[in-house]
Amino acid sequence: MRNGHLQTLVSHYLARESRLPTAEERLFRVADGVQVRCDCHWQAERKAALTVILVHGLEGSSSSQYIVGTANKAFAAGMNVVRMNVRGCGGTEALGASLYHSGLSADVGEIVRELIAADSLPRLAIAGFSMGGNMVLKLAGEWGSDAPPQVKAVAAVSPGMDLSASADALHLSVNRLYELRFLVSLWNSLRRKAKLYPAQYRTPALRCLRSIRDFDDLVTAPSFGFRGAEDYYTRASATPLVGSIRVPTLVIHSSDDPFVRLLPSTVQALRANSKVTLLETAQGGHCAFLGEPNGNDDGRWAERRIVEFFATA
């Protein structure tokens, strides 16, 4: 499949079967009055295995196709798997009044902290997709040289690092169906939140939201104290922190991604950091990277590369 749109759509709608054992549903406190739910799958010898934390993208969940696929491969390779639901995602709206945004790297950091402090896990790795990719790269950059020694590696697939450029790309006519899908999903998520916390949220009319930038201007930015969408995009992006990453990091991005853009300066910054391995492909779409299945290889190239990278970290 040499078309980025086809890769993206087929990967999203092609059903994945979980081969994971029954999850331990676990709540993590990430801020005052806010919890997130993670689906945890443990090997028999929990402390002997590398623990992989997986973070989904915008309006995804721990059940997103790329999360399930990567979790299958990681668990089969002998790793523990922790599938995170970002604030309010995956049916967890009642776990806190807060919405979420692309820069909430500290939430991932709190999960890491608790797994180290409470579970005494000696080796962890973190992988994020799209929005989650920005979160984990931002976290690694914020840690810099002070990253917990237990964190051995980080990976990001199709990371939404240049948020403003990606929001503009999403608004192009060729990507309008993607944008509308995200807008409707975000609007419905806000409605569910407003029913639970009516004093805190009002849902604007859907017709007033013509773009993701509009939603971020009217909803996301004021909810988190940003001055507007552009201020949010600037302050939530991982790009300014790429040079500070000191954990071995894998970044996978396709140049035919329909709507996530990596600016030339961002690509240059990633390549300039010796701790970062950037795999930039010609085809792959958004969080897809579908190849030819072969025997036990289901053709999900990016998922396999993540697990291989973590295995060698």
Protein backbone atom coordinates (compact mmCIF):
# COMPACT_ATOMS: atom_id res chain seq x y z
CA MET A 1 0.00 0.00 0.00
CA ARG A 2 1.85 3.03 -1.29
CA ASN A 3 -0.83 5.58 -0.44
CA GLY A 4 -0.71 7.29 2.94
CA HIS A 5 -4.48 7.67 3.17
CA LEU A 6 -5.03 4.00 2.34
CA GLN A 7 -2.43 2.92 4.90
CA THR A 8 -4.02 5.11 7.58
CA LEU A 9 -7.61 4.02 6.96
CA VAL A 10 -6.95 0.30 6.51
CA SER A 11 -4.78 0.19 9.62
CA HIS A 12 -7.46 1.96 11.66
CA TYR A 13 -10.40 -0.18 10.57
CA LEU A 14 -8.66 -3.55 10.22
CA ALA A 15 -9.72 -5.33 13.41
CA ARG A 16 -7.00 -6.61 15.71
CA GLU A 17 -7.46 -9.57 18.02
CA SER A 18 -5.95 -9.24 21.47
CA ARG A 19 -3.74 -12.15 22.46
CA LEU A 20 -3.16 -10.73 25.91
CA PRO A 21 -4.11 -12.31 29.24
CA THR A 22 -6.86 -10.70 31.29
CA ALA A 23 -5.82 -7.21 32.29
CA GLU A 24 -5.40 -5.90 35.81
CA GLU A 25 -7.31 -2.61 35.71
CA ARG A 26 -5.35 -0.16 37.81
CA LEU A 27 -5.89 3.49 38.71
CA PHE A 28 -2.99 5.94 38.91
CA ARG A 29 -3.27 9.38 40.50
CA VAL A 30 -1.73 11.87 38.07
CA ALA A 31 -2.91 15.17 39.62
CA ASP A 32 -5.12 16.42 42.44
CA GLY A 33 -8.54 14.91 41.89
CA VAL A 34 -7.50 13.21 38.64
CA GLN A 35 -6.86 9.52 38.04
CA VAL A 36 -6.17 7.57 34.88
CA ARG A 37 -6.87 3.90 34.27
CA CYS A 38 -4.26 1.55 32.89
CA ASP A 39 -4.76 -2.01 31.67
CA CYS A 40 -1.80 -4.00 32.97
CA HIS A 41 -0.60 -7.39 31.73
CA TRP A 42 2.10 -9.02 33.82
CA GLN A 43 4.52 -11.80 33.07
CA ALA A 44 4.81 -14.58 35.67
CA GLU A 45 8.08 -13.05 36.91
CA ARG A 46 7.05 -9.39 36.87
CA LYS A 47 10.30 -7.88 38.12
CA ALA A 48 12.43 -9.95 35.78
CA ALA A 49 10.73 -8.51 32.68
CA LEU A 50 10.99 -5.16 30.96
CA THR A 51 7.76 -3.17 31.49
CA VAL A 52 6.44 -1.33 28.43
CA ILE A 53 4.05 1.61 28.91
CA LEU A 54 1.93 2.39 25.82
CA VAL A 55 0.28 5.81 25.26
CA HIS A 56 -2.41 6.32 22.60
CA GLY A 57 -3.24 9.26 20.35
CA LEU A 58 -5.98 11.89 20.15
CA GLU A 59 -9.39 10.43 21.07
CA GLY A 60 -7.89 6.95 21.24
CA SER A 61 -7.77 4.56 24.17
CA SER A 62 -5.98 1.53 25.52
CA SER A 63 -8.01 -0.44 22.96
CA SER A 64 -6.74 1.45 19.91
CA GLN A 65 -5.57 -0.92 17.19
CA TYR A 66 -1.90 0.11 17.29
CA ILE A 67 -1.89 -0.18 21.11
CA VAL A 68 -3.32 -3.72 21.04
CA GLY A 69 -0.96 -4.77 18.25
CA THR A 70 2.14 -3.45 19.99
CA ALA A 71 1.00 -4.94 23.30
CA ASN A 72 0.56 -8.36 21.66
CA LYS A 73 4.12 -8.27 20.31
CA ALA A 74 5.68 -6.92 23.50
CA PHE A 75 3.96 -9.50 25.72
CA ALA A 76 4.90 -12.33 23.35
CA ALA A 77 8.51 -11.12 23.61
CA GLY A 78 8.39 -11.60 27.40
CA MET A 79 7.65 -8.01 28.41
CA ASN A 80 5.09 -6.64 30.87
CA VAL A 81 2.60 -4.29 29.21
CA VAL A 82 0.83 -1.27 30.72
CA ARG A 83 -1.77 0.22 28.34
CA MET A 84 -2.56 3.76 29.48
CA ASN A 85 -5.83 5.62 28.97
CA VAL A 86 -5.12 9.35 28.80
CA ARG A 87 -7.32 11.50 31.09
CA GLY A 88 -10.99 10.87 30.35
CA CYS A 89 -10.35 8.47 27.48
CA GLY A 90 -11.52 4.88 27.21
CA GLY A 91 -14.71 5.53 29.18
CA THR A 92 -12.91 7.08 32.17
CA GLU A 93 -14.60 10.51 32.17
CA ALA A 94 -15.71 10.07 35.78
CA LEU A 95 -12.15 9.70 37.11
CA GLY A 96 -11.61 13.46 37.21
CA ALA A 97 -13.05 16.74 35.98
CA SER A 98 -10.02 17.58 33.86
CA LEU A 99 -9.93 17.36 30.08
CA TYR A 100 -6.66 16.37 28.38
CA HIS A 101 -4.22 17.88 25.92
CA SER A 102 -1.12 16.91 23.95
CA GLY A 103 1.36 18.28 26.46
CA LEU A 104 0.37 16.29 29.57
CA SER A 105 3.71 14.52 29.74
CA ALA A 106 3.66 14.66 33.54
CA ASP A 107 0.77 12.17 33.59
CA VAL A 108 2.99 9.57 31.95
CA GLY A 109 5.75 10.51 34.37
CA GLU A 110 3.46 9.84 37.35
CA ILE A 111 2.75 6.32 36.07
CA VAL A 112 6.49 5.72 35.70
CA ARG A 113 7.10 7.06 39.20
CA GLU A 114 4.50 4.80 40.80
CA LEU A 115 5.61 1.68 38.94
CA ILE A 116 9.13 2.31 40.23
CA ALA A 117 8.18 3.32 43.78
CA ALA A 118 5.26 0.96 44.48
CA ASP A 119 6.14 -2.02 42.28
CA SER A 120 9.94 -1.80 42.40
CA LEU A 121 10.13 -2.49 38.68
CA PRO A 122 13.76 -2.28 37.61
CA ARG A 123 13.40 -1.74 33.84
CA LEU A 124 10.81 0.30 31.94
CA ALA A 125 10.31 1.60 28.41
CA ILE A 126 7.67 3.99 27.06
CA ALA A 127 6.09 4.15 23.61
CA GLY A 128 3.61 6.74 22.37
CA PHE A 129 1.62 7.11 19.18
CA SER A 130 0.65 10.42 17.55
CA MET A 131 -0.41 12.65 20.49
CA GLY A 132 1.07 10.04 22.84
CA GLY A 133 4.30 10.23 20.87
CA ASN A 134 4.55 13.94 21.62
CA MET A 135 3.85 13.24 25.30
CA VAL A 136 6.62 10.68 25.73
CA LEU A 137 9.19 12.70 23.78
CA LYS A 138 8.32 15.81 25.80
CA LEU A 139 8.69 13.80 29.02
CA ALA A 140 12.09 12.47 27.97
CA GLY A 141 13.22 16.00 27.11
CA GLU A 142 11.94 17.38 30.42
CA TRP A 143 13.82 14.68 32.31
CA GLY A 144 17.03 15.35 30.39
CA SER A 145 19.96 13.90 32.33
CA ASP A 146 17.71 13.32 35.34
CA ALA A 147 15.63 10.57 33.74
CA PRO A 148 14.97 7.69 36.18
CA PRO A 149 17.71 5.10 35.66
CA GLN A 150 14.99 2.45 35.41
CA VAL A 151 13.78 3.98 32.12
CA LYS A 152 15.82 2.26 29.46
CA ALA A 153 14.22 3.46 26.22
CA VAL A 154 11.52 5.61 24.62
CA ALA A 155 9.76 5.27 21.26
CA ALA A 156 7.35 7.50 19.33
CA VAL A 157 5.37 6.63 16.20
CA SER A 158 3.96 9.42 14.01
CA PRO A 159 4.52 11.89 16.88
CA GLY A 160 2.43 15.07 16.76
CA MET A 161 5.35 17.27 17.77
CA ASP A 162 4.75 20.29 15.55
CA LEU A 163 1.19 20.87 16.72
CA SER A 164 0.47 24.09 14.85
CA ALA A 165 1.68 22.75 11.50
CA SER A 166 -0.25 19.53 12.01
CA ALA A 167 -3.45 21.40 12.92
CA ASP A 168 -3.12 23.39 9.69
CA ALA A 169 -2.48 20.21 7.69
CA LEU A 170 -5.54 18.58 9.22
CA HIS A 171 -7.66 21.48 7.97
CA LEU A 172 -6.65 20.97 4.33
CA SER A 173 -9.54 19.88 2.13
CA VAL A 174 -7.86 16.54 1.40
CA ASN A 175 -7.84 15.79 5.16
CA ARG A 176 -11.28 17.18 5.98
CA LEU A 177 -12.79 13.76 6.77
CA TYR A 178 -10.11 13.12 9.40
CA GLU A 179 -10.67 16.54 10.95
CA LEU A 180 -14.45 16.09 11.06
CA ARG A 181 -14.07 12.70 12.71
CA PHE A 182 -11.79 14.16 15.39
CA LEU A 183 -14.07 17.16 15.91
CA VAL A 184 -17.21 15.07 16.37
CA SER A 185 -15.39 12.73 18.74
CA LEU A 186 -13.93 15.60 20.79
CA TRP A 187 -17.33 17.31 20.92
CA ASN A 188 -19.03 14.14 22.13
CA SER A 189 -16.30 13.64 24.74
CA LEU A 190 -16.86 17.20 25.96
CA ARG A 191 -20.62 16.59 26.15
CA ARG A 192 -20.07 13.52 28.33
CA LYS A 193 -17.75 15.53 30.56
CA ALA A 194 -20.23 18.39 30.80
CA LYS A 195 -22.97 16.03 31.97
CA LEU A 196 -20.72 14.84 34.79
CA TYR A 197 -19.39 18.32 35.67
CA PRO A 198 -22.07 20.82 34.50
CA ALA A 199 -20.70 23.68 36.60
CA GLN A 200 -17.32 23.44 34.90
CA TYR A 201 -18.05 22.88 31.22
CA ARG A 202 -20.35 24.20 28.56
CA THR A 203 -20.47 22.52 25.16
CA PRO A 204 -20.36 24.94 22.22
CA ALA A 205 -22.60 24.20 19.25
CA LEU A 206 -20.90 21.77 16.90
CA ARG A 207 -21.52 24.15 13.97
CA CYS A 208 -19.24 26.69 15.69
CA LEU A 209 -16.30 24.30 15.48
CA ARG A 210 -14.97 24.41 11.94
CA SER A 211 -11.52 23.08 12.74
CA ILE A 212 -9.38 21.44 15.40
CA ARG A 213 -7.79 24.83 15.90
CA ASP A 214 -11.24 26.23 16.72
CA PHE A 215 -11.80 23.50 19.32
CA ASP A 216 -8.41 24.15 20.90
CA ASP A 217 -9.06 27.90 20.89
CA LEU A 218 -12.52 27.62 22.47
CA VAL A 219 -12.10 24.58 24.72
CA THR A 220 -8.60 23.18 25.23
CA ALA A 221 -6.65 26.41 25.70
CA PRO A 222 -8.93 28.10 28.27
CA SER A 223 -9.35 24.83 30.18
CA PHE A 224 -5.61 24.72 30.86
CA GLY A 225 -4.68 28.39 31.11
CA PHE A 226 -3.22 28.83 27.63
CA ARG A 227 -3.77 32.16 25.89
CA GLY A 228 -5.21 30.48 22.81
CA ALA A 229 -4.61 27.60 20.42
CA GLU A 230 -1.27 28.90 19.17
CA ASP A 231 0.05 29.41 22.70
CA TYR A 232 -1.08 25.87 23.55
CA TYR A 233 0.59 24.42 20.45
CA THR A 234 3.85 26.20 21.25
CA ARG A 235 4.00 25.27 24.93
CA ALA A 236 2.75 21.68 24.58
CA SER A 237 5.13 20.66 21.80
CA ALA A 238 8.05 18.32 22.45
CA THR A 239 10.14 19.90 19.71
CA PRO A 240 12.02 22.51 21.83
CA LEU A 241 13.09 19.71 24.21
CA VAL A 242 14.43 17.23 21.65
CA GLY A 243 18.02 18.31 22.25
CA SER A 244 17.72 17.48 25.96
CA ILE A 245 16.73 13.82 25.49
CA ARG A 246 19.29 11.51 27.09
CA VAL A 247 17.39 8.20 27.01
CA PRO A 248 17.85 5.96 23.94
CA THR A 249 14.93 6.99 21.74
CA LEU A 250 13.35 5.70 18.54
CA VAL A 251 11.19 7.99 16.39
CA ILE A 252 9.26 6.56 13.41
CA HIS A 253 7.58 8.92 10.96
CA SER A 254 6.35 8.62 7.39
CA SER A 255 6.67 11.45 4.89
CA ASP A 256 3.25 10.50 3.48
CA ASP A 257 1.49 10.90 6.85
CA PRO A 258 -1.72 12.68 5.83
CA PHE A 259 -1.85 15.20 8.65
CA VAL A 260 1.03 14.96 11.15
CA ARG A 261 3.87 17.20 9.98
CA LEU A 262 7.46 17.24 11.18
CA LEU A 263 9.06 20.54 10.23
CA PRO A 264 12.57 20.45 8.69
CA SER A 265 13.96 22.08 11.83
CA THR A 266 12.41 19.32 13.96
CA VAL A 267 13.88 16.60 11.76
CA GLN A 268 17.25 18.33 12.01
CA ALA A 269 17.00 18.48 15.82
CA LEU A 270 16.10 14.78 16.03
CA ARG A 271 19.03 13.80 13.80
CA ALA A 272 21.42 16.03 15.75
CA ASN A 273 20.80 14.15 19.02
CA SER A 274 22.98 11.03 19.20
CA LYS A 275 20.50 9.43 21.61
CA VAL A 276 17.72 9.57 19.00
CA THR A 277 17.27 7.16 16.11
CA LEU A 278 14.96 8.65 13.48
CA LEU A 279 13.41 6.26 10.97
CA GLU A 280 11.71 8.37 8.31
CA THR A 281 9.99 6.32 5.64
CA ALA A 282 8.48 7.25 2.27
CA GLN A 283 5.30 5.25 2.92
CA GLY A 284 3.46 4.31 6.09
CA GLY A 285 0.63 6.78 6.61
CA HIS A 286 -0.35 7.76 10.14
CA CYS A 287 0.39 5.14 12.83
CA ALA A 288 0.03 2.44 10.15
CA PHE A 289 3.23 1.20 8.44
CA LEU A 290 1.55 -1.84 6.93
CA GLY A 291 3.76 -4.36 5.16
CA GLU A 292 3.36 -7.80 3.70
CA PRO A 293 2.42 -10.42 6.33
CA ASN A 294 4.88 -13.28 6.40
CA GLY A 295 4.41 -16.27 8.69
CA ASN A 296 4.40 -15.03 12.28
CA ASP A 297 5.03 -11.47 11.08
CA ASP A 298 1.67 -9.72 10.65
CA GLY A 299 3.25 -6.95 8.59
CA ARG A 300 2.91 -4.25 11.26
CA TRP A 301 6.41 -2.92 10.75
CA ALA A 302 6.46 -0.04 13.26
CA GLU A 303 5.09 -2.19 16.09
CA ARG A 304 7.77 -4.80 15.45
CA ARG A 305 10.54 -2.18 15.32
CA ILE A 306 9.46 -0.77 18.70
CA VAL A 307 9.62 -4.18 20.39
CA GLU A 308 12.99 -4.94 18.76
CA PHE A 309 14.36 -1.57 19.88
CA PHE A 310 13.18 -2.10 23.44
CA ALA A 311 14.61 -5.63 23.49
CA THR A 312 18.07 -4.29 22.71
CA ALA A 313 17.91 -1.29 25.04
